C-alpha atoms as a PDB file:
ATOM      1  CA  MET A   1      87.526  82.700  67.066  1.00  0.00           C
ATOM      2  CA  GLY A   2      89.071  85.966  69.248  1.00  0.00           C
ATOM      3  CA  GLY A   3      85.469  85.564  71.530  1.00  0.00           C
ATOM      4  CA  ASN A   4      86.161  82.168  71.813  1.00  0.00           C
ATOM      5  CA  VAL A   5      89.271  82.311  72.941  1.00  0.00           C
ATOM      6  CA  LEU A   6      87.813  85.084  75.343  1.00  0.00           C
ATOM      7  CA  ALA A   7      84.617  83.031  76.585  1.00  0.00           C
ATOM      8  CA  PHE A   8      87.458  80.214  77.687  1.00  0.00           C
ATOM      9  CA  ILE A   9      89.586  82.377  79.616  1.00  0.00           C
ATOM     10  CA  ARG A  10      86.299  83.770  81.498  1.00  0.00           C
ATOM     11  CA  GLU A  11      84.959  80.756  81.451  1.00  0.00           C
ATOM     12  CA  ASN A  12      88.285  79.094  83.542  1.00  0.00           C
ATOM     13  CA  SER A  13      88.821  82.645  85.591  1.00  0.00           C
ATOM     14  CA  ARG A  14      85.577  81.671  86.916  1.00  0.00           C
ATOM     15  CA  VAL A  15      86.436  78.088  87.871  1.00  0.00           C
ATOM     16  CA  MET A  16      89.611  79.279  89.893  1.00  0.00           C
ATOM     17  CA  GLU A  17      87.859  81.699  91.307  1.00  0.00           C
ATOM     18  CA  GLU A  18      85.339  79.458  92.510  1.00  0.00           C
ATOM     19  CA  GLU A  19      88.285  77.271  93.574  1.00  0.00           C
ATOM     20  CA  VAL A  20      89.870  79.728  95.518  1.00  0.00           C
ATOM     21  CA  VAL A  21      86.529  80.937  97.162  1.00  0.00           C
ATOM     22  CA  ARG A  22      85.604  76.771  97.863  1.00  0.00           C
ATOM     23  CA  ASP A  23      89.645  76.750  99.597  1.00  0.00           C
ATOM     24  CA  ASN A  24      89.401  79.499 101.781  1.00  0.00           C
ATOM     25  CA  PHE A  25      85.942  78.124 102.674  1.00  0.00           C
ATOM     26  CA  THR A  26      87.620  74.825 103.959  1.00  0.00           C
ATOM     27  CA  THR A  27      90.276  76.534 105.169  1.00  0.00           C
ATOM     28  CA  THR A  28      88.623  78.345 107.603  1.00  0.00           C
ATOM     29  CA  GLY A  29      86.111  75.721 108.003  1.00  0.00           C
ATOM     30  CA  VAL A  30      88.486  73.962 109.571  1.00  0.00           C
ATOM     31  CA  SER A  31      90.217  76.164 111.425  1.00  0.00           C
ATOM     32  CA  ILE A  32      86.784  76.639 112.991  1.00  0.00           C
ATOM     33  CA  LEU A  33      86.258  73.184 113.737  1.00  0.00           C
ATOM     34  CA  GLU A  34      89.460  73.134 115.529  1.00  0.00           C
ATOM     35  CA  ALA A  35      89.055  75.913 117.520  1.00  0.00           C
ATOM     36  CA  GLN A  36      85.462  74.554 118.740  1.00  0.00           C
ATOM     37  CA  GLU A  37      87.051  71.181 119.326  1.00  0.00           C
ATOM     38  CA  MET A  38      90.333  73.212 121.402  1.00  0.00           C
ATOM     39  CA  GLU A  39      87.669  74.913 123.803  1.00  0.00           C
ATOM     40  CA  ARG A  40      85.270  71.576 123.862  1.00  0.00           C
ATOM     41  CA  LYS A  41      89.023  70.396 125.361  1.00  0.00           C
ATOM     42  CA  ARG A  42      89.442  72.816 127.362  1.00  0.00           C
ATOM     43  CA  ILE A  43      86.270  72.928 129.283  1.00  0.00           C
ATOM     44  CA  ALA A  44      86.387  69.124 129.592  1.00  0.00           C
ATOM     45  CA  ARG A  45      89.652  69.835 131.415  1.00  0.00           C
ATOM     46  CA  ASP A  46      88.394  72.562 133.872  1.00  0.00           C
ATOM     47  CA  LEU A  47      85.730  70.764 134.592  1.00  0.00           C
ATOM     48  CA  HIS A  48      87.261  67.343 135.686  1.00  0.00           C
ATOM     49  CA  ASP A  49      89.503  68.860 136.903  1.00  0.00           C
ATOM     50  CA  SER A  50      87.931  71.639 139.189  1.00  0.00           C
ATOM     51  CA  THR A  51      84.411  70.970 139.829  1.00  0.00           C
ATOM     52  CA  VAL A  52      84.521  67.139 138.829  1.00  0.00           C
ATOM     53  CA  GLN A  53      87.893  66.026 141.635  1.00  0.00           C
ATOM     54  CA  SER A  54      85.926  68.211 144.101  1.00  0.00           C
ATOM     55  CA  LEU A  55      82.033  66.605 143.915  1.00  0.00           C
ATOM     56  CA  THR A  56      83.606  63.777 144.064  1.00  0.00           C
ATOM     57  CA  ASN A  57      86.000  64.052 146.928  1.00  0.00           C
ATOM     58  CA  ILE A  58      82.289  65.846 148.601  1.00  0.00           C
ATOM     59  CA  VAL A  59      80.485  62.727 148.260  1.00  0.00           C
ATOM     60  CA  HIS A  60      83.832  60.649 149.347  1.00  0.00           C
ATOM     61  CA  LYS A  61      83.346  62.694 153.000  1.00  0.00           C
ATOM     62  CA  THR A  62      78.874  62.072 152.688  1.00  0.00           C
ATOM     63  CA  GLU A  63      79.997  58.217 152.771  1.00  0.00           C
ATOM     64  CA  TYR A  64      82.450  58.979 155.486  1.00  0.00           C
ATOM     65  CA  CYS A  65      80.024  61.647 157.674  1.00  0.00           C
ATOM     66  CA  GLY A  66      77.261  58.909 157.469  1.00  0.00           C
ATOM     67  CA  LYS A  67      79.086  56.165 159.214  1.00  0.00           C
ATOM     68  CA  MET A  68      81.129  57.913 161.750  1.00  0.00           C
ATOM     69  CA  ILE A  69      78.296  60.605 162.739  1.00  0.00           C
ATOM     70  CA  ASP A  70      77.203  58.047 165.572  1.00  0.00           C
ATOM     71  CA  LYS A  71      81.142  57.101 166.535  1.00  0.00           C
ATOM     72  CA  ASP A  72      82.374  60.373 166.023  1.00  0.00           C
ATOM     73  CA  PRO A  73      79.756  63.595 165.926  1.00  0.00           C
ATOM     74  CA  LEU A  74      82.195  66.346 166.537  1.00  0.00           C
ATOM     75  CA  GLN A  75      84.914  65.343 163.149  1.00  0.00           C
ATOM     76  CA  VAL A  76      81.590  64.785 161.232  1.00  0.00           C
ATOM     77  CA  LYS A  77      81.494  68.196 161.952  1.00  0.00           C
ATOM     78  CA  PHE A  78      84.928  69.013 160.555  1.00  0.00           C
ATOM     79  CA  GLU A  79      83.493  67.860 157.397  1.00  0.00           C
ATOM     80  CA  LEU A  80      80.738  69.167 156.969  1.00  0.00           C
ATOM     81  CA  MET A  81      82.511  72.417 157.790  1.00  0.00           C
ATOM     82  CA  ASP A  82      84.929  71.797 154.643  1.00  0.00           C
ATOM     83  CA  MET A  83      82.062  70.509 152.737  1.00  0.00           C
ATOM     84  CA  MET A  84      80.958  73.657 153.250  1.00  0.00           C
ATOM     85  CA  ASP A  85      83.934  75.159 151.978  1.00  0.00           C
ATOM     86  CA  ARG A  86      83.989  72.937 148.586  1.00  0.00           C
ATOM     87  CA  LEU A  87      80.849  73.567 147.836  1.00  0.00           C
ATOM     88  CA  HIS A  88      81.235  77.487 147.693  1.00  0.00           C
ATOM     89  CA  GLU A  89      84.396  76.935 145.700  1.00  0.00           C
ATOM     90  CA  SER A  90      82.796  74.606 143.278  1.00  0.00           C
ATOM     91  CA  ILE A  91      80.305  77.229 142.778  1.00  0.00           C
ATOM     92  CA  ASP A  92      82.809  79.451 141.960  1.00  0.00           C
ATOM     93  CA  ASP A  93      84.214  77.038 139.552  1.00  0.00           C
ATOM     94  CA  MET A  94      81.212  76.571 137.936  1.00  0.00           C
ATOM     95  CA  ARG A  95      80.647  80.387 137.617  1.00  0.00           C
ATOM     96  CA  ARG A  96      84.083  81.005 135.707  1.00  0.00           C
ATOM     97  CA  ILE A  97      83.889  78.187 133.808  1.00  0.00           C
ATOM     98  CA  ILE A  98      80.107  79.693 132.673  1.00  0.00           C
ATOM     99  CA  TYR A  99      81.204  83.364 132.719  1.00  0.00           C
ATOM    100  CA  ASP A 100      83.824  81.850 130.185  1.00  0.00           C
ATOM    101  CA  LEU A 101      81.730  80.405 127.460  1.00  0.00           C
ATOM    102  CA  ARG A 102      79.616  83.548 127.490  1.00  0.00           C
ATOM    103  CA  PRO A 103      80.295  86.247 130.160  1.00  0.00           C
ATOM    104  CA  MET A 104      76.411  87.446 130.813  1.00  0.00           C
ATOM    105  CA  SER A 105      76.981  90.910 131.578  1.00  0.00           C
ATOM    106  CA  ILE A 106      78.203  91.614 127.791  1.00  0.00           C
ATOM    107  CA  ASP A 107      74.266  91.579 127.248  1.00  0.00           C
ATOM    108  CA  ASP A 108      73.237  92.902 130.755  1.00  0.00           C
ATOM    109  CA  LEU A 109      75.891  95.782 131.313  1.00  0.00           C
ATOM    110  CA  GLY A 110      77.939  96.397 127.401  1.00  0.00           C
ATOM    111  CA  PHE A 111      81.171  96.178 126.032  1.00  0.00           C
ATOM    112  CA  ILE A 112      83.523  98.367 128.087  1.00  0.00           C
ATOM    113  CA  PRO A 113      81.821  97.085 131.982  1.00  0.00           C
ATOM    114  CA  THR A 114      82.610  93.902 130.149  1.00  0.00           C
ATOM    115  CA  ILE A 115      85.758  94.772 130.093  1.00  0.00           C
ATOM    116  CA  GLN A 116      86.549  96.537 133.080  1.00  0.00           C
ATOM    117  CA  ARG A 117      84.940  93.615 134.624  1.00  0.00           C
ATOM    118  CA  PHE A 118      87.338  91.611 133.096  1.00  0.00           C
ATOM    119  CA  ILE A 119      89.992  93.838 134.238  1.00  0.00           C
ATOM    120  CA  GLN A 120      89.295  93.603 138.221  1.00  0.00           C
ATOM    121  CA  GLN A 121      88.698  89.421 138.417  1.00  0.00           C
ATOM    122  CA  ASN A 122      92.176  88.813 136.602  1.00  0.00           C
ATOM    123  CA  LYS A 123      93.912  91.856 139.201  1.00  0.00           C
ATOM    124  CA  LYS A 124      93.726  89.474 142.346  1.00  0.00           C
ATOM    125  CA  GLU A 125      95.732  87.170 140.294  1.00  0.00           C
ATOM    126  CA  HIS A 126      98.143  89.191 138.788  1.00  0.00           C
ATOM    127  CA  GLU A 127      98.435  92.276 140.766  1.00  0.00           C
ATOM    128  CA  ASN A 128     101.733  93.114 139.549  1.00  0.00           C
ATOM    129  CA  ILE A 129     100.229  94.236 136.085  1.00  0.00           C
ATOM    130  CA  GLU A 130      99.001  97.781 136.080  1.00  0.00           C
ATOM    131  CA  PHE A 131      95.700  97.982 133.489  1.00  0.00           C
ATOM    132  CA  LYS A 132      94.636 100.829 131.906  1.00  0.00           C
ATOM    133  CA  VAL A 133      91.328 101.278 129.709  1.00  0.00           C
ATOM    134  CA  ARG A 134      91.324 103.904 127.042  1.00  0.00           C
ATOM    135  CA  VAL A 135      87.527 104.338 124.914  1.00  0.00           C
ATOM    136  CA  THR A 136      88.012 107.139 122.134  1.00  0.00           C
ATOM    137  CA  SER A 137      85.277 108.126 119.569  1.00  0.00           C
ATOM    138  CA  GLU A 138      84.858 110.722 116.327  1.00  0.00           C
ATOM    139  CA  SER A 139      81.465 110.205 116.567  1.00  0.00           C
ATOM    140  CA  ASP A 140      78.436 108.436 118.392  1.00  0.00           C
ATOM    141  CA  GLU A 141      78.913 105.228 120.039  1.00  0.00           C
ATOM    142  CA  VAL A 142      77.563 102.708 117.880  1.00  0.00           C
ATOM    143  CA  ASP A 143      75.333 100.374 119.059  1.00  0.00           C
ATOM    144  CA  LEU A 144      76.950  97.051 118.132  1.00  0.00           C
ATOM    145  CA  PRO A 145      75.120  93.423 117.920  1.00  0.00           C
ATOM    146  CA  PRO A 146      76.355  90.667 120.946  1.00  0.00           C
ATOM    147  CA  VAL A 147      78.192  89.280 117.840  1.00  0.00           C
ATOM    148  CA  VAL A 148      80.291  91.379 117.221  1.00  0.00           C
ATOM    149  CA  THR A 149      81.166  92.289 121.048  1.00  0.00           C
ATOM    150  CA  LEU A 150      81.799  89.198 121.921  1.00  0.00           C
ATOM    151  CA  THR A 151      84.414  88.097 119.362  1.00  0.00           C
ATOM    152  CA  LEU A 152      86.113  91.031 120.223  1.00  0.00           C
ATOM    153  CA  PHE A 153      86.369  89.983 123.632  1.00  0.00           C
ATOM    154  CA  ARG A 154      87.103  86.571 123.131  1.00  0.00           C
ATOM    155  CA  ILE A 155      89.824  88.200 120.966  1.00  0.00           C
ATOM    156  CA  LEU A 156      90.602  90.872 123.668  1.00  0.00           C
ATOM    157  CA  GLN A 157      90.574  87.500 126.561  1.00  0.00           C
ATOM    158  CA  GLU A 158      93.193  85.053 124.667  1.00  0.00           C
ATOM    159  CA  SER A 159      95.471  88.526 124.165  1.00  0.00           C
ATOM    160  CA  CYS A 160      95.431  88.809 127.842  1.00  0.00           C
ATOM    161  CA  ASN A 161      95.702  85.442 128.493  1.00  0.00           C
ATOM    162  CA  ASN A 162      99.039  85.582 126.357  1.00  0.00           C
ATOM    163  CA  ILE A 163     100.599  88.404 128.235  1.00  0.00           C
ATOM    164  CA  PHE A 164      99.558  86.134 131.783  1.00  0.00           C
ATOM    165  CA  LYS A 165     101.141  82.827 130.683  1.00  0.00           C
ATOM    166  CA  TYR A 166     104.601  84.499 128.735  1.00  0.00           C
ATOM    167  CA  ALA A 167     104.608  87.900 128.906  1.00  0.00           C
ATOM    168  CA  GLU A 168     106.230  88.752 131.521  1.00  0.00           C
ATOM    169  CA  ALA A 169     104.495  92.539 131.595  1.00  0.00           C
ATOM    170  CA  ASN A 170     103.889  95.556 134.296  1.00  0.00           C
ATOM    171  CA  ASN A 171     102.326  97.702 131.845  1.00  0.00           C
ATOM    172  CA  VAL A 172      98.693  96.346 129.647  1.00  0.00           C
ATOM    173  CA  THR A 173      96.807  99.189 127.762  1.00  0.00           C
ATOM    174  CA  ILE A 174      93.528  98.273 126.459  1.00  0.00           C
ATOM    175  CA  SER A 175      91.868 101.127 123.748  1.00  0.00           C
ATOM    176  CA  ILE A 176      89.054 100.906 122.280  1.00  0.00           C
ATOM    177  CA  HIS A 177      88.289 103.036 119.414  1.00  0.00           C
ATOM    178  CA  TYR A 178      85.153 103.982 117.780  1.00  0.00           C
ATOM    179  CA  GLY A 179      85.666 105.254 114.629  1.00  0.00           C
ATOM    180  CA  GLU A 180      83.161 106.883 111.298  1.00  0.00           C
ATOM    181  CA  GLU A 181      83.555 103.535 110.049  1.00  0.00           C
ATOM    182  CA  GLU A 182      85.315 100.341 112.227  1.00  0.00           C
ATOM    183  CA  ILE A 183      85.426 100.042 115.659  1.00  0.00           C
ATOM    184  CA  VAL A 184      89.404  99.272 116.555  1.00  0.00           C
ATOM    185  CA  LEU A 185      90.387  97.159 120.138  1.00  0.00           C
ATOM    186  CA  GLU A 186      94.144  96.994 120.766  1.00  0.00           C
ATOM    187  CA  ILE A 187      96.388  95.417 123.289  1.00  0.00           C
ATOM    188  CA  VAL A 188      99.755  96.698 124.271  1.00  0.00           C
ATOM    189  CA  ASP A 189     102.295  95.265 126.800  1.00  0.00           C
ATOM    190  CA  ASP A 190     105.912  95.537 127.957  1.00  0.00           C
ATOM    191  CA  GLY A 191     106.654  92.507 128.112  1.00  0.00           C
ATOM    192  CA  VAL A 192     109.797  90.496 126.517  1.00  0.00           C
ATOM    193  CA  GLY A 193     107.979  90.547 123.523  1.00  0.00           C
ATOM    194  CA  PHE A 194     108.324  87.133 120.994  1.00  0.00           C
ATOM    195  CA  ASP A 195     109.831  87.007 117.186  1.00  0.00           C
ATOM    196  CA  LYS A 196     107.076  86.672 115.207  1.00  0.00           C
ATOM    197  CA  GLY A 197     109.354  84.158 112.770  1.00  0.00           C
ATOM    198  CA  ASP A 198     109.045  81.236 116.592  1.00  0.00           C
ATOM    199  CA  ILE A 199     105.968  81.131 116.433  1.00  0.00           C
ATOM    200  CA  GLY A 200     104.452  77.749 115.735  1.00  0.00           C
ATOM    201  CA  LYS A 201     107.933  76.090 116.583  1.00  0.00           C
ATOM    202  CA  ASP A 202     107.359  75.372 119.843  1.00  0.00           C
ATOM    203  CA  LYS A 203     104.451  73.353 120.637  1.00  0.00           C
ATOM    204  CA  LYS A 204     103.908  75.399 123.804  1.00  0.00           C
ATOM    205  CA  SER A 205     104.122  78.670 122.274  1.00  0.00           C
ATOM    206  CA  SER A 206     100.648  80.701 121.580  1.00  0.00           C
ATOM    207  CA  GLY A 207     100.561  79.992 117.738  1.00  0.00           C
ATOM    208  CA  PHE A 208      97.575  78.490 117.789  1.00  0.00           C
ATOM    209  CA  GLY A 209      96.242  81.044 119.726  1.00  0.00           C
ATOM    210  CA  LEU A 210      97.083  84.451 117.510  1.00  0.00           C
ATOM    211  CA  SER A 211      95.460  82.413 114.729  1.00  0.00           C
ATOM    212  CA  ILE A 212      92.359  81.683 115.811  1.00  0.00           C
ATOM    213  CA  MET A 213      92.059  85.119 117.011  1.00  0.00           C
ATOM    214  CA  GLN A 214      92.969  86.227 113.378  1.00  0.00           C
ATOM    215  CA  GLU A 215      90.246  83.533 111.616  1.00  0.00           C
ATOM    216  CA  ARG A 216      87.777  85.482 114.799  1.00  0.00           C
ATOM    217  CA  ALA A 217      88.470  88.984 113.323  1.00  0.00           C
ATOM    218  CA  GLN A 218      88.586  88.015 109.339  1.00  0.00           C
ATOM    219  CA  LEU A 219      84.974  86.016 110.223  1.00  0.00           C
ATOM    220  CA  LEU A 220      83.712  89.443 110.803  1.00  0.00           C
ATOM    221  CA  CYS A 221      85.304  91.024 108.263  1.00  0.00           C
ATOM    222  CA  GLY A 222      87.898  92.733 110.069  1.00  0.00           C
ATOM    223  CA  GLU A 223      91.729  93.093 109.855  1.00  0.00           C
ATOM    224  CA  PHE A 224      94.299  91.615 112.376  1.00  0.00           C
ATOM    225  CA  SER A 225      97.950  91.979 112.950  1.00  0.00           C
ATOM    226  CA  ILE A 226     100.307  92.122 115.710  1.00  0.00           C
ATOM    227  CA  GLN A 227     103.320  93.677 116.350  1.00  0.00           C
ATOM    228  CA  SER A 228     106.026  92.538 118.701  1.00  0.00           C
ATOM    229  CA  GLU A 229     109.442  92.312 119.346  1.00  0.00           C
ATOM    230  CA  ILE A 230     111.842  90.930 121.835  1.00  0.00           C
ATOM    231  CA  GLY A 231     112.764  93.191 124.861  1.00  0.00           C
ATOM    232  CA  LYS A 232     110.150  95.891 123.057  1.00  0.00           C
ATOM    233  CA  GLY A 233     107.342  94.366 124.020  1.00  0.00           C
ATOM    234  CA  THR A 234     104.308  92.941 121.954  1.00  0.00           C
ATOM    235  CA  SER A 235     100.847  94.963 120.362  1.00  0.00           C
ATOM    236  CA  VAL A 236      97.527  92.853 119.115  1.00  0.00           C
ATOM    237  CA  LEU A 237      94.808  95.714 117.044  1.00  0.00           C
ATOM    238  CA  VAL A 238      91.948  94.321 115.535  1.00  0.00           C
ATOM    239  CA  SER A 239      89.532  96.224 113.638  1.00  0.00           C
ATOM    240  CA  VAL A 240      85.946  95.553 112.207  1.00  0.00           C
ATOM    241  CA  PRO A 241      84.028  97.704 109.891  1.00  0.00           C
ATOM    242  CA  TYR A 242      80.591  98.711 110.633  1.00  0.00           C
ATOM    243  CA  THR A 243      79.292  97.503 107.488  1.00  0.00           C
ATOM    244  CA  VAL A 244      79.434  94.271 108.442  1.00  0.00           C
ATOM    245  CA  LEU A 245      76.499  95.209 110.805  1.00  0.00           C
ATOM    246  CA  GLU A 246      74.344  95.914 107.812  1.00  0.00           C
ATOM    247  CA  GLU A 247      75.279  92.051 107.073  1.00  0.00           C
ATOM    248  CA  ILE A 248      74.815  90.754 110.353  1.00  0.00           C
ATOM    249  CA  SER A 249      71.188  92.842 109.434  1.00  0.00           C
ATOM    250  CA  LEU A 250      70.311  91.304 105.880  1.00  0.00           C
ATOM    251  CA  GLN A 251      71.276  88.134 107.149  1.00  0.00           C
ATOM    252  CA  LYS A 252      69.054  87.543 110.233  1.00  0.00           C
ATOM    253  CA  ALA A 253      66.344  89.191 107.105  1.00  0.00           C
ATOM    254  CA  TYR A 254      66.821  86.289 105.269  1.00  0.00           C
ATOM    255  CA  ASP A 255      66.823  83.214 108.553  1.00  0.00           C
ATOM    256  CA  LEU A 256      63.378  84.832 109.610  1.00  0.00           C
ATOM    257  CA  ARG A 257      61.974  84.270 105.303  1.00  0.00           C
END
């Protein structure tokens, strides 16, 4: 009788564990799909508002120049000069969108130089913010796979975008620490801060962005935390264990079988 009870308990425990894993997988899967759709929506909006509008305007100007080239060549010359400026703007917009999709400097230069480049690009629009980058290490710098560095960079991007939109900060410090067992990324600002209890109440808040950052960290078996108080700034902390590197290597080996 006792053996039957133990067998019943073990079986039901196994079923419950499978249900929890399945529910967690479903929740994570939905979050990933939502993040992908939000990213596609953002890219589509960027393309429509910048590149498509600019190219449409160039088409209209080209048609106008074709009609006026014999009647008013001087005006056509001015229109062509304006078209050249707009084409350069469109090229810059496309480069920005491509960079947002995949910052190629991560592959070419590495994680830290890509962060420094990101800061330089944003200094032009946010001259009031002083950026600092600190890199520390307890051991030799670990060669991280692109999926890890890109995920950390995405979290950094999202965190900084929140700072630009909401924080009203004057100083932002980005710290990267290569520990003995994990890599830690921390983004600290001295902005207005917020009450964590208010996340999600306002549609304009960054609640969705925070959940996406957390999902990104969890997909790498990492930990994500955020500390903030009104008037005392915000700190975003994410850590990824090096053990995930072994799992990535094993997964690649399995995929090649």
